[in-house]
N, C-alpha and C. Protein backbone atom coordinates (compact mmCIF):
# COMPACT_ATOMS: atom_id res chain seq x y z
N ASN A 1 103.77 103.61 106.30
CA ASN A 1 104.58 102.78 107.19
C ASN A 1 103.86 102.65 108.53
N PRO A 2 102.78 101.91 108.59
CA PRO A 2 102.03 101.79 109.84
C PRO A 2 102.79 101.10 110.95
N ASN A 3 103.84 100.35 110.63
CA ASN A 3 104.61 99.68 111.65
C ASN A 3 105.50 100.63 112.42
N GLY A 4 105.69 101.83 111.91
CA GLY A 4 106.51 102.82 112.64
C GLY A 4 107.98 102.40 112.71
N VAL A 5 108.52 101.83 111.66
CA VAL A 5 109.90 101.36 111.65
C VAL A 5 110.83 102.47 111.09
N TYR A 6 111.87 102.75 111.81
CA TYR A 6 112.87 103.75 111.40
C TYR A 6 114.18 103.10 110.97
N LEU A 7 114.82 103.73 110.00
CA LEU A 7 116.07 103.21 109.47
C LEU A 7 117.18 103.41 110.52
N LYS A 8 118.00 102.33 110.69
CA LYS A 8 119.13 102.36 111.63
C LYS A 8 120.45 102.51 110.88
N GLU A 9 121.45 103.00 111.61
CA GLU A 9 122.74 103.29 110.98
C GLU A 9 123.36 102.07 110.32
N ASP A 10 123.30 100.87 110.93
CA ASP A 10 123.91 99.69 110.31
C ASP A 10 123.14 99.28 109.07
N GLU A 11 121.81 99.44 109.10
CA GLU A 11 121.01 99.13 107.92
C GLU A 11 121.32 100.11 106.81
N TRP A 12 121.49 101.37 107.17
CA TRP A 12 121.77 102.40 106.18
C TRP A 12 123.14 102.17 105.50
N ALA A 13 124.10 101.72 106.30
CA ALA A 13 125.42 101.40 105.75
C ALA A 13 125.34 100.28 104.73
N ARG A 14 124.60 99.24 105.06
CA ARG A 14 124.44 98.10 104.12
C ARG A 14 123.67 98.52 102.87
N LEU A 15 122.64 99.33 103.06
CA LEU A 15 121.84 99.80 101.93
C LEU A 15 122.69 100.67 100.97
N GLN A 16 123.51 101.53 101.56
CA GLN A 16 124.40 102.38 100.69
C GLN A 16 125.36 101.52 99.90
N ASP A 17 125.89 100.48 100.55
CA ASP A 17 126.83 99.62 99.85
C ASP A 17 126.15 98.90 98.68
N LEU A 18 124.95 98.44 98.89
CA LEU A 18 124.19 97.77 97.81
C LEU A 18 123.91 98.79 96.69
N CYS A 19 123.49 99.98 97.03
CA CYS A 19 123.13 100.99 95.97
C CYS A 19 124.42 101.40 95.21
N ARG A 20 125.51 101.49 95.94
CA ARG A 20 126.79 101.88 95.26
C ARG A 20 127.19 100.84 94.24
N ARG A 21 127.03 99.58 94.58
CA ARG A 21 127.39 98.49 93.68
C ARG A 21 126.43 98.40 92.47
N ARG A 22 125.18 98.73 92.69
CA ARG A 22 124.17 98.59 91.65
C ARG A 22 123.93 99.87 90.86
N GLY A 23 124.48 100.98 91.35
CA GLY A 23 124.20 102.24 90.69
C GLY A 23 122.81 102.78 90.96
N TRP A 24 122.27 102.45 92.12
CA TRP A 24 120.94 102.88 92.49
C TRP A 24 120.91 104.17 93.30
N ALA A 25 119.81 104.84 93.29
CA ALA A 25 119.55 105.98 94.17
C ALA A 25 118.58 105.54 95.27
N VAL A 26 118.49 106.31 96.33
CA VAL A 26 117.61 106.00 97.47
C VAL A 26 116.58 107.13 97.61
N ILE A 27 115.30 106.72 97.72
CA ILE A 27 114.23 107.67 98.06
C ILE A 27 113.75 107.29 99.47
N SER A 28 113.98 108.21 100.42
CA SER A 28 113.68 107.93 101.81
C SER A 28 112.50 108.82 102.29
N ASP A 29 111.35 108.19 102.52
CA ASP A 29 110.17 108.90 102.97
C ASP A 29 110.31 109.11 104.50
N GLU A 30 110.54 110.36 104.88
CA GLU A 30 110.82 110.64 106.27
C GLU A 30 109.77 111.56 106.91
N VAL A 31 108.53 111.47 106.40
CA VAL A 31 107.49 112.38 106.90
C VAL A 31 107.13 112.13 108.39
N PHE A 32 107.37 110.89 108.87
CA PHE A 32 107.06 110.61 110.24
C PHE A 32 108.28 110.75 111.16
N SER A 33 109.35 111.32 110.64
CA SER A 33 110.55 111.45 111.46
C SER A 33 110.35 112.16 112.79
N PRO A 34 109.45 113.18 112.89
CA PRO A 34 109.28 113.83 114.19
C PRO A 34 108.46 113.02 115.19
N TYR A 35 107.97 111.88 114.82
CA TYR A 35 106.99 111.17 115.68
C TYR A 35 107.51 109.85 116.21
N ALA A 36 108.78 109.75 116.52
CA ALA A 36 109.32 108.58 117.14
C ALA A 36 108.85 108.51 118.60
N THR A 37 108.65 107.29 119.07
CA THR A 37 108.15 107.11 120.44
C THR A 37 109.25 107.41 121.50
N ALA A 38 110.51 107.20 121.17
CA ALA A 38 111.59 107.41 122.07
C ALA A 38 112.87 107.68 121.33
N PRO A 39 113.84 108.36 121.96
CA PRO A 39 115.12 108.62 121.29
C PRO A 39 115.85 107.31 121.00
N ASP A 40 116.62 107.30 119.93
CA ASP A 40 117.43 106.13 119.58
C ASP A 40 118.70 106.61 118.90
N PRO A 41 119.85 106.40 119.59
CA PRO A 41 121.12 106.95 119.02
C PRO A 41 121.51 106.27 117.72
N HIS A 42 120.89 105.16 117.38
CA HIS A 42 121.23 104.45 116.15
C HIS A 42 120.31 104.75 114.99
N ARG A 43 119.31 105.61 115.24
CA ARG A 43 118.36 105.98 114.19
C ARG A 43 118.96 106.97 113.23
N VAL A 44 118.66 106.80 111.93
CA VAL A 44 119.10 107.76 110.91
C VAL A 44 117.98 108.84 110.83
N GLU A 45 118.35 110.05 111.25
CA GLU A 45 117.38 111.12 111.28
C GLU A 45 117.04 111.65 109.85
N CYS A 46 118.06 111.74 109.03
CA CYS A 46 117.85 112.21 107.63
C CYS A 46 118.86 111.48 106.78
N ALA A 47 118.42 110.60 105.91
CA ALA A 47 119.33 109.79 105.10
C ALA A 47 120.16 110.69 104.16
N ALA A 48 119.60 111.75 103.65
CA ALA A 48 120.31 112.60 102.67
C ALA A 48 121.38 113.42 103.34
N ALA A 49 121.36 113.52 104.65
CA ALA A 49 122.32 114.36 105.34
C ALA A 49 123.70 113.68 105.49
N LYS A 50 123.71 112.38 105.40
CA LYS A 50 124.94 111.61 105.60
C LYS A 50 124.90 110.40 104.70
N THR A 51 125.35 110.58 103.43
CA THR A 51 125.25 109.51 102.45
C THR A 51 126.38 109.57 101.43
N GLY A 52 126.70 108.41 100.91
CA GLY A 52 127.66 108.30 99.88
C GLY A 52 127.10 107.97 98.55
N VAL A 53 125.74 107.85 98.48
CA VAL A 53 125.04 107.56 97.25
C VAL A 53 123.98 108.62 97.08
N LEU A 54 123.45 108.76 95.81
CA LEU A 54 122.43 109.73 95.58
C LEU A 54 121.18 109.38 96.39
N THR A 55 120.74 110.34 97.23
CA THR A 55 119.66 110.08 98.19
C THR A 55 118.71 111.22 98.17
N PHE A 56 117.43 110.89 98.24
CA PHE A 56 116.36 111.92 98.32
C PHE A 56 115.55 111.66 99.59
N SER A 57 115.58 112.65 100.48
CA SER A 57 114.80 112.56 101.74
C SER A 57 113.57 113.43 101.63
N LEU A 58 112.38 112.83 101.87
CA LEU A 58 111.11 113.54 101.64
C LEU A 58 110.48 113.96 102.95
N GLY A 59 109.90 115.17 102.90
CA GLY A 59 109.11 115.65 104.04
C GLY A 59 107.98 116.53 103.55
N GLY A 60 107.13 117.02 104.47
CA GLY A 60 106.03 117.85 104.03
C GLY A 60 105.24 118.39 105.19
N LEU A 61 104.39 119.39 104.88
CA LEU A 61 103.56 120.02 105.92
C LEU A 61 102.53 119.08 106.49
N SER A 62 102.08 118.13 105.70
CA SER A 62 100.98 117.27 106.16
C SER A 62 101.30 116.60 107.49
N LYS A 63 102.54 116.18 107.67
CA LYS A 63 102.96 115.57 108.93
C LYS A 63 103.72 116.53 109.80
N TRP A 64 104.55 117.36 109.23
CA TRP A 64 105.37 118.32 110.01
C TRP A 64 104.49 119.22 110.85
N ALA A 65 103.39 119.73 110.25
CA ALA A 65 102.54 120.71 110.96
C ALA A 65 101.09 120.18 111.07
N GLY A 66 100.86 118.94 110.74
CA GLY A 66 99.51 118.42 110.83
C GLY A 66 98.55 119.11 109.88
N LEU A 67 99.00 119.44 108.68
CA LEU A 67 98.18 120.23 107.75
C LEU A 67 98.12 119.55 106.40
N PRO A 68 97.46 118.40 106.29
CA PRO A 68 97.39 117.71 104.96
C PRO A 68 96.68 118.46 103.90
N GLN A 69 95.84 119.45 104.26
CA GLN A 69 95.09 120.19 103.26
C GLN A 69 95.96 121.29 102.59
N LEU A 70 97.13 121.59 103.18
CA LEU A 70 98.04 122.57 102.59
C LEU A 70 99.16 121.80 101.89
N LYS A 71 99.05 121.78 100.57
CA LYS A 71 99.92 120.90 99.75
C LYS A 71 101.30 121.53 99.58
N LEU A 72 102.24 121.17 100.46
CA LEU A 72 103.59 121.60 100.28
C LEU A 72 104.51 120.52 100.83
N GLY A 73 105.44 120.10 100.02
CA GLY A 73 106.45 119.10 100.42
C GLY A 73 107.83 119.57 100.08
N TRP A 74 108.85 118.83 100.56
CA TRP A 74 110.21 119.21 100.26
C TRP A 74 111.06 117.94 100.08
N ILE A 75 112.16 118.12 99.36
CA ILE A 75 113.08 117.04 99.08
C ILE A 75 114.50 117.52 99.40
N ARG A 76 115.16 116.82 100.31
CA ARG A 76 116.60 117.12 100.53
C ARG A 76 117.40 116.11 99.74
N VAL A 77 118.38 116.62 98.99
CA VAL A 77 119.17 115.77 98.12
C VAL A 77 120.57 115.65 98.64
N GLY A 78 121.14 114.45 98.77
CA GLY A 78 122.49 114.25 99.22
C GLY A 78 123.21 113.23 98.38
N GLY A 79 124.52 113.16 98.53
CA GLY A 79 125.31 112.21 97.80
C GLY A 79 126.46 112.84 97.07
N PRO A 80 127.08 112.12 96.12
CA PRO A 80 128.18 112.69 95.32
C PRO A 80 127.72 114.00 94.68
N GLU A 81 128.58 115.01 94.74
CA GLU A 81 128.20 116.37 94.33
C GLU A 81 127.72 116.43 92.86
N ALA A 82 128.40 115.75 91.97
CA ALA A 82 128.01 115.81 90.56
C ALA A 82 126.60 115.24 90.34
N LEU A 83 126.31 114.12 91.02
CA LEU A 83 124.97 113.54 90.89
C LEU A 83 123.90 114.43 91.58
N VAL A 84 124.29 115.06 92.68
CA VAL A 84 123.34 115.98 93.36
C VAL A 84 122.96 117.15 92.45
N GLN A 85 123.94 117.75 91.81
CA GLN A 85 123.68 118.91 90.97
C GLN A 85 122.82 118.52 89.77
N GLN A 86 123.05 117.37 89.19
CA GLN A 86 122.22 116.88 88.07
C GLN A 86 120.78 116.69 88.56
N ALA A 87 120.65 116.05 89.72
CA ALA A 87 119.34 115.78 90.27
C ALA A 87 118.56 117.07 90.56
N LEU A 88 119.26 118.02 91.12
CA LEU A 88 118.60 119.30 91.49
C LEU A 88 118.10 120.05 90.26
N ALA A 89 118.91 120.03 89.20
CA ALA A 89 118.51 120.69 87.96
C ALA A 89 117.23 120.06 87.42
N ARG A 90 117.14 118.73 87.44
CA ARG A 90 116.00 118.04 86.92
C ARG A 90 114.79 118.20 87.81
N LEU A 91 115.03 118.21 89.14
CA LEU A 91 113.95 118.40 90.09
C LEU A 91 113.31 119.80 89.94
N GLU A 92 114.15 120.78 89.66
CA GLU A 92 113.62 122.13 89.47
C GLU A 92 112.65 122.22 88.34
N ILE A 93 112.96 121.54 87.25
CA ILE A 93 112.04 121.52 86.09
C ILE A 93 110.75 120.79 86.43
N ILE A 94 110.87 119.63 87.12
CA ILE A 94 109.69 118.84 87.50
C ILE A 94 108.81 119.65 88.42
N ALA A 95 109.44 120.30 89.43
CA ALA A 95 108.64 121.02 90.44
C ALA A 95 107.92 122.18 89.81
N ASP A 96 108.58 122.93 88.93
CA ASP A 96 107.96 124.10 88.28
C ASP A 96 106.88 123.64 87.31
N THR A 97 107.04 122.51 86.67
CA THR A 97 106.09 122.09 85.63
C THR A 97 104.88 121.41 86.22
N TYR A 98 105.08 120.53 87.23
CA TYR A 98 104.00 119.65 87.66
C TYR A 98 103.61 119.87 89.14
N LEU A 99 104.48 120.49 89.95
CA LEU A 99 104.24 120.48 91.37
C LEU A 99 104.28 121.89 91.97
N SER A 100 103.73 122.83 91.29
CA SER A 100 103.78 124.21 91.78
C SER A 100 102.98 124.35 93.05
N VAL A 101 103.49 125.19 93.95
CA VAL A 101 102.86 125.42 95.25
C VAL A 101 102.05 126.67 95.22
N SER A 102 100.85 126.64 95.84
CA SER A 102 99.98 127.82 95.83
C SER A 102 100.68 129.01 96.55
N THR A 103 100.33 130.19 96.10
CA THR A 103 100.92 131.42 96.64
C THR A 103 100.62 131.59 98.12
N PRO A 104 99.35 131.37 98.58
CA PRO A 104 99.12 131.59 100.05
C PRO A 104 100.00 130.68 100.92
N VAL A 105 100.19 129.41 100.48
CA VAL A 105 101.03 128.52 101.28
C VAL A 105 102.42 128.99 101.30
N GLN A 106 102.95 129.45 100.17
CA GLN A 106 104.32 129.97 100.13
C GLN A 106 104.52 131.15 101.10
N TRP A 107 103.55 132.07 101.09
CA TRP A 107 103.67 133.23 101.99
C TRP A 107 103.59 132.82 103.45
N ALA A 108 102.77 131.84 103.75
CA ALA A 108 102.55 131.42 105.13
C ALA A 108 103.63 130.48 105.65
N LEU A 109 104.44 129.94 104.75
CA LEU A 109 105.37 128.86 105.11
C LEU A 109 106.23 129.15 106.34
N PRO A 110 106.89 130.27 106.44
CA PRO A 110 107.77 130.50 107.61
C PRO A 110 107.03 130.32 108.95
N ARG A 111 105.82 130.87 109.05
CA ARG A 111 105.04 130.73 110.23
C ARG A 111 104.56 129.32 110.47
N LEU A 112 104.19 128.63 109.38
CA LEU A 112 103.71 127.25 109.49
C LEU A 112 104.85 126.35 109.97
N LEU A 113 106.06 126.56 109.47
CA LEU A 113 107.19 125.77 109.91
C LEU A 113 107.47 126.03 111.40
N ALA A 114 107.40 127.30 111.76
CA ALA A 114 107.70 127.68 113.17
C ALA A 114 106.67 127.06 114.11
N ALA A 115 105.42 126.98 113.64
CA ALA A 115 104.33 126.44 114.49
C ALA A 115 104.39 124.92 114.56
N GLY A 116 105.20 124.30 113.69
CA GLY A 116 105.20 122.84 113.61
C GLY A 116 105.62 122.17 114.90
N ALA A 117 106.56 122.75 115.62
CA ALA A 117 107.05 122.08 116.85
C ALA A 117 105.94 121.94 117.87
N GLY A 118 105.10 122.95 118.03
CA GLY A 118 103.99 122.84 118.95
C GLY A 118 102.93 121.83 118.51
N VAL A 119 102.68 121.81 117.21
CA VAL A 119 101.70 120.83 116.67
C VAL A 119 102.23 119.41 116.91
N GLN A 120 103.53 119.20 116.63
CA GLN A 120 104.09 117.89 116.79
C GLN A 120 104.00 117.42 118.24
N GLN A 121 104.26 118.34 119.16
CA GLN A 121 104.19 117.97 120.56
C GLN A 121 102.79 117.51 120.97
N GLY A 122 101.77 118.22 120.51
CA GLY A 122 100.40 117.80 120.79
C GLY A 122 100.06 116.49 120.18
N ILE A 123 100.49 116.25 118.94
CA ILE A 123 100.19 115.00 118.26
C ILE A 123 100.92 113.84 119.00
N ARG A 124 102.16 114.05 119.39
CA ARG A 124 102.90 112.99 120.10
C ARG A 124 102.20 112.63 121.42
N ARG A 125 101.72 113.63 122.15
CA ARG A 125 101.01 113.34 123.41
C ARG A 125 99.76 112.47 123.15
N ARG A 126 99.00 112.87 122.15
CA ARG A 126 97.72 112.11 121.88
C ARG A 126 98.03 110.72 121.41
N VAL A 127 99.01 110.60 120.50
CA VAL A 127 99.34 109.25 119.96
C VAL A 127 99.87 108.38 121.07
N GLN A 128 100.70 108.90 121.96
CA GLN A 128 101.24 108.08 123.04
C GLN A 128 100.13 107.66 123.98
N SER A 129 99.20 108.57 124.30
CA SER A 129 98.08 108.25 125.19
C SER A 129 97.23 107.15 124.58
N ASN A 130 96.90 107.26 123.30
CA ASN A 130 96.06 106.29 122.66
C ASN A 130 96.80 104.94 122.51
N ARG A 131 98.08 104.99 122.28
CA ARG A 131 98.85 103.73 122.21
C ARG A 131 98.82 102.97 123.52
N GLU A 132 98.93 103.71 124.63
CA GLU A 132 98.88 103.14 125.97
C GLU A 132 97.49 102.50 126.22
N VAL A 133 96.46 103.16 125.79
CA VAL A 133 95.10 102.64 125.95
C VAL A 133 94.95 101.35 125.14
N ALA A 134 95.46 101.38 123.88
CA ALA A 134 95.41 100.18 123.07
C ALA A 134 96.15 99.02 123.71
N GLN A 135 97.28 99.28 124.36
CA GLN A 135 98.01 98.23 125.00
C GLN A 135 97.21 97.69 126.20
N GLU A 136 96.60 98.57 126.98
CA GLU A 136 95.85 98.15 128.14
C GLU A 136 94.62 97.32 127.73
N GLU A 137 93.92 97.75 126.72
CA GLU A 137 92.63 97.12 126.31
C GLU A 137 92.85 95.79 125.65
N THR A 138 94.02 95.57 125.08
CA THR A 138 94.26 94.28 124.33
C THR A 138 94.91 93.21 125.16
N VAL A 139 95.36 93.58 126.41
CA VAL A 139 95.96 92.56 127.28
C VAL A 139 94.99 91.46 127.61
N GLY A 140 95.37 90.24 127.42
CA GLY A 140 94.48 89.10 127.70
C GLY A 140 93.40 88.83 126.66
N SER A 141 93.49 89.56 125.53
CA SER A 141 92.52 89.36 124.48
C SER A 141 93.17 88.65 123.31
N PRO A 142 92.40 88.30 122.31
CA PRO A 142 92.98 87.63 121.10
C PRO A 142 93.75 88.60 120.23
N CYS A 143 93.75 89.90 120.56
CA CYS A 143 94.43 90.91 119.76
C CYS A 143 95.85 91.12 120.38
N ARG A 144 96.81 91.24 119.49
CA ARG A 144 98.18 91.57 119.94
C ARG A 144 98.63 92.85 119.28
N LEU A 145 99.02 93.81 120.11
CA LEU A 145 99.51 95.08 119.62
C LEU A 145 100.93 94.91 119.15
N VAL A 146 101.20 95.18 117.85
CA VAL A 146 102.51 95.00 117.31
C VAL A 146 103.41 96.14 117.73
N ARG A 147 104.64 95.81 118.12
CA ARG A 147 105.59 96.81 118.56
C ARG A 147 105.84 97.87 117.50
N SER A 148 105.93 99.13 117.92
CA SER A 148 106.08 100.22 117.01
C SER A 148 107.13 101.19 117.53
N GLU A 149 107.90 101.79 116.64
CA GLU A 149 108.89 102.81 117.02
C GLU A 149 108.38 104.21 116.89
N GLY A 150 107.19 104.35 116.31
CA GLY A 150 106.64 105.73 116.12
C GLY A 150 105.54 105.78 115.11
N GLY A 151 105.25 106.94 114.62
CA GLY A 151 104.20 107.15 113.66
C GLY A 151 102.86 107.44 114.28
N TRP A 152 101.82 107.40 113.49
CA TRP A 152 100.49 107.76 113.94
C TRP A 152 99.54 106.58 113.98
N SER A 153 100.03 105.37 113.76
CA SER A 153 99.14 104.20 113.61
C SER A 153 99.55 103.12 114.63
N ALA A 154 98.55 102.28 114.91
CA ALA A 154 98.80 101.07 115.72
C ALA A 154 98.40 99.87 114.86
N VAL A 155 99.17 98.81 114.93
CA VAL A 155 98.88 97.59 114.17
C VAL A 155 98.47 96.51 115.19
N LEU A 156 97.32 95.90 114.94
CA LEU A 156 96.86 94.82 115.72
C LEU A 156 96.94 93.50 114.94
N HIS A 157 97.54 92.49 115.53
CA HIS A 157 97.49 91.14 114.94
C HIS A 157 96.27 90.44 115.56
N VAL A 158 95.33 90.05 114.74
CA VAL A 158 94.06 89.48 115.20
C VAL A 158 93.92 88.05 114.67
N PRO A 159 93.03 87.22 115.24
CA PRO A 159 92.91 85.87 114.78
C PRO A 159 92.61 85.79 113.29
N SER A 160 93.25 84.84 112.62
CA SER A 160 93.06 84.68 111.16
C SER A 160 91.87 83.80 110.80
N LEU A 161 90.93 83.70 111.76
CA LEU A 161 89.68 83.05 111.42
C LEU A 161 88.92 83.79 110.36
N ARG A 162 89.22 85.07 110.22
CA ARG A 162 88.69 85.93 109.14
C ARG A 162 89.90 86.69 108.58
N SER A 163 89.73 87.17 107.38
CA SER A 163 90.78 88.02 106.81
C SER A 163 90.69 89.39 107.46
N GLY A 164 91.75 90.18 107.29
CA GLY A 164 91.72 91.54 107.79
C GLY A 164 90.57 92.33 107.23
N GLU A 165 90.28 92.12 105.96
CA GLU A 165 89.19 92.84 105.32
C GLU A 165 87.86 92.43 105.91
N GLN A 166 87.67 91.15 106.14
CA GLN A 166 86.40 90.69 106.75
C GLN A 166 86.21 91.27 108.14
N TRP A 167 87.28 91.25 108.93
CA TRP A 167 87.19 91.86 110.26
C TRP A 167 86.85 93.34 110.17
N ALA A 168 87.52 94.04 109.21
CA ALA A 168 87.30 95.48 109.08
C ALA A 168 85.87 95.77 108.67
N LEU A 169 85.31 95.01 107.74
CA LEU A 169 83.93 95.25 107.29
C LEU A 169 82.95 94.92 108.41
N GLU A 170 83.21 93.87 109.18
CA GLU A 170 82.30 93.53 110.29
C GLU A 170 82.33 94.63 111.37
N LEU A 171 83.49 95.11 111.68
CA LEU A 171 83.60 96.19 112.70
C LEU A 171 82.89 97.44 112.21
N LEU A 172 82.96 97.74 110.93
CA LEU A 172 82.29 98.96 110.40
C LEU A 172 80.78 98.76 110.45
N ALA A 173 80.31 97.61 109.99
CA ALA A 173 78.86 97.37 109.87
C ALA A 173 78.21 97.17 111.27
N GLN A 174 78.90 96.46 112.14
CA GLN A 174 78.26 96.06 113.42
C GLN A 174 78.56 97.03 114.56
N ASP A 175 79.71 97.68 114.52
CA ASP A 175 80.19 98.48 115.65
C ASP A 175 80.51 99.91 115.33
N GLY A 176 80.39 100.31 114.08
CA GLY A 176 80.67 101.69 113.70
C GLY A 176 82.14 102.06 113.94
N VAL A 177 83.04 101.09 113.81
CA VAL A 177 84.49 101.32 114.03
C VAL A 177 85.18 101.16 112.68
N LEU A 178 85.94 102.20 112.31
CA LEU A 178 86.63 102.18 111.05
C LEU A 178 88.11 101.88 111.22
N VAL A 179 88.55 100.81 110.67
CA VAL A 179 89.97 100.42 110.66
C VAL A 179 90.38 100.01 109.25
N HIS A 180 91.69 99.88 109.01
CA HIS A 180 92.18 99.43 107.71
C HIS A 180 92.67 97.99 107.83
N PRO A 181 92.34 97.14 106.85
CA PRO A 181 92.93 95.82 106.80
C PRO A 181 94.42 95.89 106.46
N GLY A 182 95.16 94.94 106.92
CA GLY A 182 96.64 94.98 106.70
C GLY A 182 97.06 94.98 105.22
N TYR A 183 96.22 94.38 104.37
CA TYR A 183 96.65 94.27 102.96
C TYR A 183 96.71 95.67 102.30
N PHE A 184 96.07 96.64 102.90
CA PHE A 184 96.20 98.06 102.39
C PHE A 184 97.68 98.44 102.37
N TYR A 185 98.45 97.86 103.26
CA TYR A 185 99.85 98.21 103.45
C TYR A 185 100.77 97.04 103.07
N ASP A 186 100.26 96.12 102.25
CA ASP A 186 101.06 95.00 101.73
C ASP A 186 101.55 94.07 102.84
N PHE A 187 100.81 93.92 103.92
CA PHE A 187 101.18 92.92 104.87
C PHE A 187 101.14 91.54 104.17
N PRO A 188 102.12 90.69 104.35
CA PRO A 188 102.24 89.45 103.58
C PRO A 188 101.33 88.34 104.06
N ARG A 189 100.71 88.48 105.24
CA ARG A 189 99.85 87.41 105.72
C ARG A 189 98.74 88.01 106.57
N GLU A 190 97.77 87.14 106.92
CA GLU A 190 96.63 87.55 107.72
C GLU A 190 96.84 87.21 109.17
N ALA A 191 96.11 87.80 110.05
CA ALA A 191 95.18 88.91 109.80
C ALA A 191 95.66 90.10 110.69
N PHE A 192 95.74 91.27 110.02
CA PHE A 192 96.18 92.47 110.72
C PHE A 192 95.18 93.57 110.48
N LEU A 193 95.04 94.46 111.49
CA LEU A 193 94.20 95.63 111.40
C LEU A 193 95.06 96.85 111.74
N VAL A 194 94.87 97.93 111.02
CA VAL A 194 95.67 99.16 111.27
C VAL A 194 94.70 100.23 111.78
N LEU A 195 95.06 100.80 112.94
CA LEU A 195 94.21 101.79 113.59
C LEU A 195 94.92 103.14 113.60
N SER A 196 94.13 104.22 113.36
CA SER A 196 94.69 105.55 113.56
C SER A 196 94.73 105.88 115.04
N LEU A 197 95.84 106.49 115.48
CA LEU A 197 96.00 106.95 116.83
C LEU A 197 95.69 108.44 117.02
N LEU A 198 95.12 109.06 115.99
CA LEU A 198 94.87 110.49 116.04
C LEU A 198 93.54 110.91 116.66
N PRO A 199 92.50 110.05 116.71
CA PRO A 199 91.25 110.52 117.28
C PRO A 199 91.41 110.98 118.73
N PRO A 200 90.48 111.87 119.19
CA PRO A 200 90.49 112.23 120.59
C PRO A 200 90.45 111.01 121.48
N GLU A 201 91.08 111.10 122.68
CA GLU A 201 91.31 109.95 123.53
C GLU A 201 89.98 109.22 123.86
N THR A 202 88.90 110.00 124.13
CA THR A 202 87.63 109.36 124.48
C THR A 202 87.06 108.59 123.33
N VAL A 203 87.20 109.15 122.11
CA VAL A 203 86.69 108.46 120.90
C VAL A 203 87.51 107.20 120.65
N PHE A 204 88.85 107.29 120.77
CA PHE A 204 89.71 106.14 120.54
C PHE A 204 89.43 105.05 121.53
N GLY A 205 89.33 105.43 122.83
CA GLY A 205 89.08 104.46 123.87
C GLY A 205 87.80 103.67 123.67
N ASP A 206 86.75 104.38 123.24
CA ASP A 206 85.49 103.71 123.00
C ASP A 206 85.63 102.78 121.79
N GLY A 207 86.34 103.24 120.75
CA GLY A 207 86.51 102.41 119.59
C GLY A 207 87.31 101.13 119.80
N ILE A 208 88.40 101.27 120.57
CA ILE A 208 89.25 100.08 120.81
C ILE A 208 88.51 99.07 121.66
N ARG A 209 87.67 99.52 122.62
CA ARG A 209 86.90 98.61 123.40
C ARG A 209 85.89 97.84 122.56
N ARG A 210 85.22 98.55 121.64
CA ARG A 210 84.29 97.87 120.73
C ARG A 210 85.03 96.89 119.87
N LEU A 211 86.21 97.28 119.39
CA LEU A 211 86.95 96.37 118.55
C LEU A 211 87.33 95.10 119.24
N VAL A 212 87.90 95.22 120.46
CA VAL A 212 88.32 94.04 121.21
C VAL A 212 87.13 93.14 121.52
N ALA A 213 86.00 93.73 121.89
CA ALA A 213 84.80 92.94 122.16
C ALA A 213 84.36 92.18 120.94
N ARG A 214 84.41 92.81 119.76
CA ARG A 214 84.01 92.13 118.54
C ARG A 214 84.94 90.99 118.19
N ILE A 215 86.23 91.21 118.34
CA ILE A 215 87.20 90.14 118.06
C ILE A 215 87.05 89.01 119.02
N GLN A 216 86.85 89.30 120.31
CA GLN A 216 86.67 88.23 121.29
C GLN A 216 85.42 87.41 120.97
N GLU A 217 84.34 88.07 120.60
CA GLU A 217 83.11 87.34 120.27
C GLU A 217 83.32 86.49 119.02
N GLY A 218 84.00 87.04 118.02
CA GLY A 218 84.19 86.30 116.80
C GLY A 218 85.17 85.15 116.92
N ALA A 219 86.07 85.25 117.91
CA ALA A 219 87.10 84.19 118.03
C ALA A 219 86.67 83.13 119.04
N SER A 220 85.56 83.36 119.75
CA SER A 220 85.15 82.38 120.77
C SER A 220 84.35 81.22 120.17
């Protein structure tokens, strides 16, 4: 979700109504929940915590504690009690059969979860700093920074003189800047580039300036 869009309460109410009528369940990927740019009283923090339909909320250490190499995730299940109990019984079999967690990660989990708050704070500071730099560097340029509510990525709308893939390949070959084209994330039209906001500030600042210069040259 590079756009950093969070589910709102009115949207959640409409979605539950649709699922109730169709007999559907909801799978809510909430790994970026700790990384919102600002508080929002209308944001749904955890879909499974307040739901009238069978709902699965997903999280994991990769985002919670910035540890993608430690493979551990979790699922919170909510909804009608009978459906929840059926789902939990089936999830237990699936988890034991296909998704077993390594012993070292299990032993370390309490400390890793406790350390997560500090890690999240550091990530939020860096992401916010880099987002501000991206905003400053793109003002007056052919690049438009797409509004975001959170997450670790920035989306740039760039001139469609080239496809997102063509821009990305040119930036990599000519400027040593690695970005993702929008179609990686099923953007329906051209041209969009997706940037990680996780690099150190000096690295990101240099990269965004190279990117803007390349886009300006290509669009002139």
